[in-house]
Amino acid sequence: MKILIQFEKKPLLFRDPEFIISCSDPSSFSACFNDIENALKKGYYLAGFVSYEAGYCFEERLVENKIYDFPLIHMGVYKAPSRNKININTKPCQNRLKALRLNISQLDYFSDINTIRDYIAKGDV
């Protein structure tokens, strides 16, 4: 598993993890999260991803009793990233988005955002 990220305008390359922390089952999410915290306490670096669906695991009433076919969390645990200048030979992306349009009016969009803010302010997740 290799991960290249930009941090403070400098590249960090993570490769050859010591081990990987991953879970697809909401019932093991908490243990997986504890493993991440323990690795950080031991001085390891972590790089990977937390899926959108993992957010449901932070609120007990939103957790679904199912095993996903993708990881909720997938983190490589590394001693340290490479901070050297990294040469990447890639071609510029040729994909383009054209003729974008929203499927909601600006007025409805801001109304929906205000409704969401009201829910959050009331503690409703």
C-alpha atoms as a PDB file:
ATOM      1  CA  MET A   1       0.000   0.000   0.000  1.00  0.00           C
ATOM      2  CA  LYS A   2       1.466   3.325  -1.102  1.00  0.00           C
ATOM      3  CA  ILE A   3      -0.039   6.711  -0.351  1.00  0.00           C
ATOM      4  CA  LEU A   4       1.226  10.048  -1.588  1.00  0.00           C
ATOM      5  CA  ILE A   5      -0.221  13.174   0.000  1.00  0.00           C
ATOM      6  CA  GLN A   6       0.593  16.853   0.000  1.00  0.00           C
ATOM      7  CA  PHE A   7       1.187  18.295   3.484  1.00  0.00           C
ATOM      8  CA  GLU A   8       2.209  21.906   4.039  1.00  0.00           C
ATOM      9  CA  LYS A   9       2.892  22.132   0.289  1.00  0.00           C
ATOM     10  CA  LYS A  10       5.383  19.263   0.484  1.00  0.00           C
ATOM     11  CA  PRO A  11       4.934  15.662  -0.652  1.00  0.00           C
ATOM     12  CA  LEU A  12       4.810  12.825   1.861  1.00  0.00           C
ATOM     13  CA  LEU A  13       5.102   9.299   0.535  1.00  0.00           C
ATOM     14  CA  PHE A  14       3.938   6.450   2.747  1.00  0.00           C
ATOM     15  CA  ARG A  15       4.988   2.980   1.597  1.00  0.00           C
ATOM     16  CA  ASP A  16       5.464  -0.489   3.043  1.00  0.00           C
ATOM     17  CA  PRO A  17       3.229  -0.229   6.107  1.00  0.00           C
ATOM     18  CA  GLU A  18       4.163  -2.068   9.270  1.00  0.00           C
ATOM     19  CA  PHE A  19       0.581  -3.311   9.337  1.00  0.00           C
ATOM     20  CA  ILE A  20      -2.892  -2.318   8.162  1.00  0.00           C
ATOM     21  CA  ILE A  21      -5.918  -1.467  10.282  1.00  0.00           C
ATOM     22  CA  SER A  22      -9.159  -2.106   8.433  1.00  0.00           C
ATOM     23  CA  CYS A  23     -12.778  -2.986   9.148  1.00  0.00           C
ATOM     24  CA  SER A  24     -15.965  -3.422   7.139  1.00  0.00           C
ATOM     25  CA  ASP A  25     -18.198  -4.440  10.021  1.00  0.00           C
ATOM     26  CA  PRO A  26     -19.770  -1.699  12.161  1.00  0.00           C
ATOM     27  CA  SER A  27     -19.556  -3.976  15.216  1.00  0.00           C
ATOM     28  CA  SER A  28     -15.734  -3.880  14.997  1.00  0.00           C
ATOM     29  CA  PHE A  29     -15.549  -0.152  14.214  1.00  0.00           C
ATOM     30  CA  SER A  30     -14.876   0.920  17.801  1.00  0.00           C
ATOM     31  CA  ALA A  31     -12.057  -1.623  18.228  1.00  0.00           C
ATOM     32  CA  CYS A  32     -10.591  -0.552  14.898  1.00  0.00           C
ATOM     33  CA  PHE A  33     -10.689   3.084  15.994  1.00  0.00           C
ATOM     34  CA  ASN A  34      -8.968   2.137  19.274  1.00  0.00           C
ATOM     35  CA  ASP A  35      -6.232   0.375  17.270  1.00  0.00           C
ATOM     36  CA  ILE A  36      -5.695   3.607  15.335  1.00  0.00           C
ATOM     37  CA  GLU A  37      -5.413   5.643  18.536  1.00  0.00           C
ATOM     38  CA  ASN A  38      -2.965   3.113  20.035  1.00  0.00           C
ATOM     39  CA  ALA A  39      -0.773   3.209  16.925  1.00  0.00           C
ATOM     40  CA  LEU A  40      -0.676   7.008  17.093  1.00  0.00           C
ATOM     41  CA  LYS A  41       0.266   6.881  20.799  1.00  0.00           C
ATOM     42  CA  LYS A  42       3.177   4.597  19.880  1.00  0.00           C
ATOM     43  CA  GLY A  43       4.460   7.233  17.439  1.00  0.00           C
ATOM     44  CA  TYR A  44       3.361   5.652  14.185  1.00  0.00           C
ATOM     45  CA  TYR A  45       2.071   7.607  11.217  1.00  0.00           C
ATOM     46  CA  LEU A  46      -1.232   6.587   9.659  1.00  0.00           C
ATOM     47  CA  ALA A  47      -2.422   7.146   6.118  1.00  0.00           C
ATOM     48  CA  GLY A  48      -5.499   5.779   4.453  1.00  0.00           C
ATOM     49  CA  PHE A  49      -9.171   6.582   4.397  1.00  0.00           C
ATOM     50  CA  VAL A  50     -12.344   6.647   6.424  1.00  0.00           C
ATOM     51  CA  SER A  51     -15.432   6.041   4.287  1.00  0.00           C
ATOM     52  CA  TYR A  52     -18.487   8.245   4.366  1.00  0.00           C
ATOM     53  CA  GLU A  53     -20.493   5.339   5.777  1.00  0.00           C
ATOM     54  CA  ALA A  54     -18.146   5.153   8.773  1.00  0.00           C
ATOM     55  CA  GLY A  55     -19.790   8.351   9.982  1.00  0.00           C
ATOM     56  CA  TYR A  56     -22.876   6.338  10.900  1.00  0.00           C
ATOM     57  CA  CYS A  57     -20.789   4.381  13.404  1.00  0.00           C
ATOM     58  CA  PHE A  58     -20.274   7.491  15.532  1.00  0.00           C
ATOM     59  CA  GLU A  59     -23.993   7.659  16.319  1.00  0.00           C
ATOM     60  CA  GLU A  60     -25.389   4.443  17.797  1.00  0.00           C
ATOM     61  CA  ARG A  61     -28.902   4.937  16.457  1.00  0.00           C
ATOM     62  CA  LEU A  62     -27.578   5.219  12.891  1.00  0.00           C
ATOM     63  CA  VAL A  63     -25.512   2.015  12.883  1.00  0.00           C
ATOM     64  CA  GLU A  64     -26.801  -0.605  10.465  1.00  0.00           C
ATOM     65  CA  ASN A  65     -26.390  -4.269  11.315  1.00  0.00           C
ATOM     66  CA  LYS A  66     -24.596  -5.215   8.123  1.00  0.00           C
ATOM     67  CA  ILE A  67     -21.131  -5.921   6.823  1.00  0.00           C
ATOM     68  CA  TYR A  68     -20.159  -3.601   3.997  1.00  0.00           C
ATOM     69  CA  ASP A  69     -18.397  -4.868   0.882  1.00  0.00           C
ATOM     70  CA  PHE A  70     -15.799  -2.131   1.329  1.00  0.00           C
ATOM     71  CA  PRO A  71     -13.805  -0.928   4.337  1.00  0.00           C
ATOM     72  CA  LEU A  72     -15.303   1.624   6.676  1.00  0.00           C
ATOM     73  CA  ILE A  73     -11.742   2.397   7.761  1.00  0.00           C
ATOM     74  CA  HIS A  74      -8.572   1.357   5.956  1.00  0.00           C
ATOM     75  CA  MET A  75      -5.290   2.715   7.352  1.00  0.00           C
ATOM     76  CA  GLY A  76      -1.707   1.805   6.728  1.00  0.00           C
ATOM     77  CA  VAL A  77       0.466   2.147   9.831  1.00  0.00           C
ATOM     78  CA  TYR A  78       3.927   3.487   8.984  1.00  0.00           C
ATOM     79  CA  LYS A  79       7.165   4.244  10.820  1.00  0.00           C
ATOM     80  CA  ALA A  80       7.577   7.496   8.867  1.00  0.00           C
ATOM     81  CA  PRO A  81       6.870   8.931   5.438  1.00  0.00           C
ATOM     82  CA  SER A  82       9.519   9.737   2.871  1.00  0.00           C
ATOM     83  CA  ARG A  83       9.923  13.505   2.719  1.00  0.00           C
ATOM     84  CA  ASN A  84      12.351  13.594  -0.183  1.00  0.00           C
ATOM     85  CA  LYS A  85      11.470  15.241  -3.454  1.00  0.00           C
ATOM     86  CA  ILE A  86       9.386  12.741  -5.347  1.00  0.00           C
ATOM     87  CA  ASN A  87       9.418  12.566  -9.127  1.00  0.00           C
ATOM     88  CA  ILE A  88       6.108  11.469 -10.488  1.00  0.00           C
ATOM     89  CA  ASN A  89       5.782  10.886 -14.186  1.00  0.00           C
ATOM     90  CA  THR A  90       2.130  11.380 -14.934  1.00  0.00           C
ATOM     91  CA  LYS A  91       0.260  12.803 -17.856  1.00  0.00           C
ATOM     92  CA  PRO A  92      -2.074  15.702 -17.186  1.00  0.00           C
ATOM     93  CA  CYS A  93      -5.656  14.626 -16.675  1.00  0.00           C
ATOM     94  CA  GLN A  94      -7.664  14.808 -19.888  1.00  0.00           C
ATOM     95  CA  ASN A  95     -11.069  14.527 -18.225  1.00  0.00           C
ATOM     96  CA  ARG A  96     -13.280  17.584 -18.383  1.00  0.00           C
ATOM     97  CA  LEU A  97     -16.645  18.451 -16.898  1.00  0.00           C
ATOM     98  CA  LYS A  98     -18.920  20.329 -19.266  1.00  0.00           C
ATOM     99  CA  ALA A  99     -22.352  21.905 -19.095  1.00  0.00           C
ATOM    100  CA  LEU A 100     -22.743  21.539 -15.348  1.00  0.00           C
ATOM    101  CA  ARG A 101     -26.080  22.485 -13.874  1.00  0.00           C
ATOM    102  CA  LEU A 102     -27.622  22.089 -10.470  1.00  0.00           C
ATOM    103  CA  ASN A 103     -30.795  20.112  -9.900  1.00  0.00           C
ATOM    104  CA  ILE A 104     -31.964  22.496  -7.173  1.00  0.00           C
ATOM    105  CA  SER A 105     -32.519  26.240  -7.127  1.00  0.00           C
ATOM    106  CA  GLN A 106     -30.194  28.462  -5.128  1.00  0.00           C
ATOM    107  CA  LEU A 107     -33.109  29.486  -2.907  1.00  0.00           C
ATOM    108  CA  ASP A 108     -34.016  25.849  -2.149  1.00  0.00           C
ATOM    109  CA  TYR A 109     -30.345  25.000  -1.576  1.00  0.00           C
ATOM    110  CA  PHE A 110     -29.898  27.707   1.067  1.00  0.00           C
ATOM    111  CA  SER A 111     -33.212  26.777   2.663  1.00  0.00           C
ATOM    112  CA  ASP A 112     -32.054  23.145   2.954  1.00  0.00           C
ATOM    113  CA  ILE A 113     -28.692  24.233   4.410  1.00  0.00           C
ATOM    114  CA  ASN A 114     -30.487  26.320   7.042  1.00  0.00           C
ATOM    115  CA  THR A 115     -32.683  23.339   7.932  1.00  0.00           C
ATOM    116  CA  ILE A 116     -29.563  21.182   8.387  1.00  0.00           C
ATOM    117  CA  ARG A 117     -27.950  23.857  10.566  1.00  0.00           C
ATOM    118  CA  ASP A 118     -31.083  23.972  12.723  1.00  0.00           C
ATOM    119  CA  TYR A 119     -30.957  20.185  13.201  1.00  0.00           C
ATOM    120  CA  ILE A 120     -27.278  20.344  14.166  1.00  0.00           C
ATOM    121  CA  ALA A 121     -27.874  23.245  16.576  1.00  0.00           C
ATOM    122  CA  LYS A 122     -30.574  21.173  18.284  1.00  0.00           C
ATOM    123  CA  GLY A 123     -28.200  18.219  18.604  1.00  0.00           C
ATOM    124  CA  ASP A 124     -29.964  16.088  16.006  1.00  0.00           C
ATOM    125  CA  VAL A 125     -27.364  14.358  13.909  1.00  0.00           C
END
